Amino acid sequence: MSTSAYKPILIRMMSYLDNQEYDKNTNFTQEQLGKLTAADVMKWFNFETYDVPEPPEGHDMRPLVRNNSLKYWK
């Protein structure tokens, strides 16, 4: 699959993390991408999956997305 297939997901994640809407034609710099941390990515995954960026320890929240969606985003 081409990298262009993943760009909408990257834009969605960066929009969430930066709290601003990015255009579909946005190109992120290496500097912007280099500032991403594992914690940032995890917050976005949690938000997309559970609708909260930091679910409580030992939660029993039901995922809002399918397992295959998570695999694709990853």
Protein backbone atom coordinates (compact mmCIF):
# COMPACT_ATOMS: atom_id res chain seq x y z
CA MET A 1 0.00 0.00 0.00
CA SER A 2 1.31 3.44 -0.86
CA THR A 3 2.19 5.97 1.79
CA SER A 4 -0.56 8.24 0.43
CA ALA A 5 -3.10 5.75 1.81
CA TYR A 6 -1.86 6.49 5.32
CA LYS A 7 -1.69 10.28 5.00
CA PRO A 8 -5.33 10.90 6.07
CA ILE A 9 -4.63 9.00 9.29
CA LEU A 10 -1.47 11.01 9.94
CA ILE A 11 -3.38 14.24 9.32
CA ARG A 12 -6.15 13.15 11.70
CA MET A 13 -3.61 12.29 14.40
CA MET A 14 -1.63 15.52 13.99
CA SER A 15 -4.86 17.55 13.98
CA TYR A 16 -5.84 15.95 17.27
CA LEU A 17 -2.44 16.36 18.88
CA ASP A 18 -1.93 19.97 17.72
CA ASN A 19 -5.57 20.89 18.35
CA GLN A 20 -5.98 22.38 14.88
CA GLU A 21 -7.42 21.19 11.60
CA TYR A 22 -4.89 20.40 8.91
CA ASP A 23 -5.76 20.39 5.23
CA LYS A 24 -5.57 17.09 3.35
CA ASN A 25 -2.63 18.50 1.38
CA THR A 26 -0.58 19.32 4.47
CA ASN A 27 2.97 18.04 4.43
CA PHE A 28 4.57 17.72 7.84
CA THR A 29 8.23 18.52 8.27
CA GLN A 30 10.75 16.09 9.72
CA GLU A 31 11.03 18.49 12.65
CA GLN A 32 7.28 18.24 13.36
CA LEU A 33 7.28 14.48 13.08
CA GLY A 34 10.48 14.19 15.09
CA LYS A 35 8.79 15.88 18.05
CA LEU A 36 6.19 13.11 18.29
CA THR A 37 6.61 10.83 21.27
CA ALA A 38 5.24 7.38 21.97
CA ALA A 39 3.01 9.01 24.62
CA ASP A 40 1.55 11.37 21.98
CA VAL A 41 0.73 8.51 19.66
CA MET A 42 -0.74 6.49 22.53
CA LYS A 43 -3.00 9.40 23.53
CA TRP A 44 -4.33 9.57 20.00
CA PHE A 45 -4.86 5.80 19.81
CA ASN A 46 -6.68 5.86 23.15
CA PHE A 47 -8.82 8.79 22.08
CA GLU A 48 -9.78 7.10 18.81
CA THR A 49 -10.38 3.78 20.55
CA TYR A 50 -12.07 4.82 23.81
CA ASP A 51 -12.93 8.51 23.30
CA VAL A 52 -10.56 9.48 26.13
CA PRO A 53 -6.81 10.18 25.81
CA GLU A 54 -5.91 8.47 29.08
CA PRO A 55 -8.24 5.66 30.13
CA PRO A 56 -8.04 4.77 33.83
CA GLU A 57 -5.77 1.92 34.90
CA GLY A 58 -7.56 -1.43 34.70
CA HIS A 59 -10.55 0.04 32.86
CA ASP A 60 -13.21 -2.14 31.28
CA MET A 61 -14.20 0.34 28.60
CA ARG A 62 -15.42 -1.13 25.36
CA PRO A 63 -13.47 -0.14 22.23
CA LEU A 64 -15.34 2.08 19.76
CA VAL A 65 -13.41 0.75 16.76
CA ARG A 66 -12.54 -2.64 15.37
CA ASN A 67 -9.23 -4.38 15.91
CA ASN A 68 -8.47 -4.16 12.19
CA SER A 69 -8.79 -0.37 12.30
CA LEU A 70 -6.12 -0.23 14.99
CA LYS A 71 -3.85 -2.50 12.98
CA TYR A 72 -4.30 -0.32 9.90
CA TRP A 73 -3.54 2.89 11.81
CA LYS A 74 -0.46 1.31 13.31
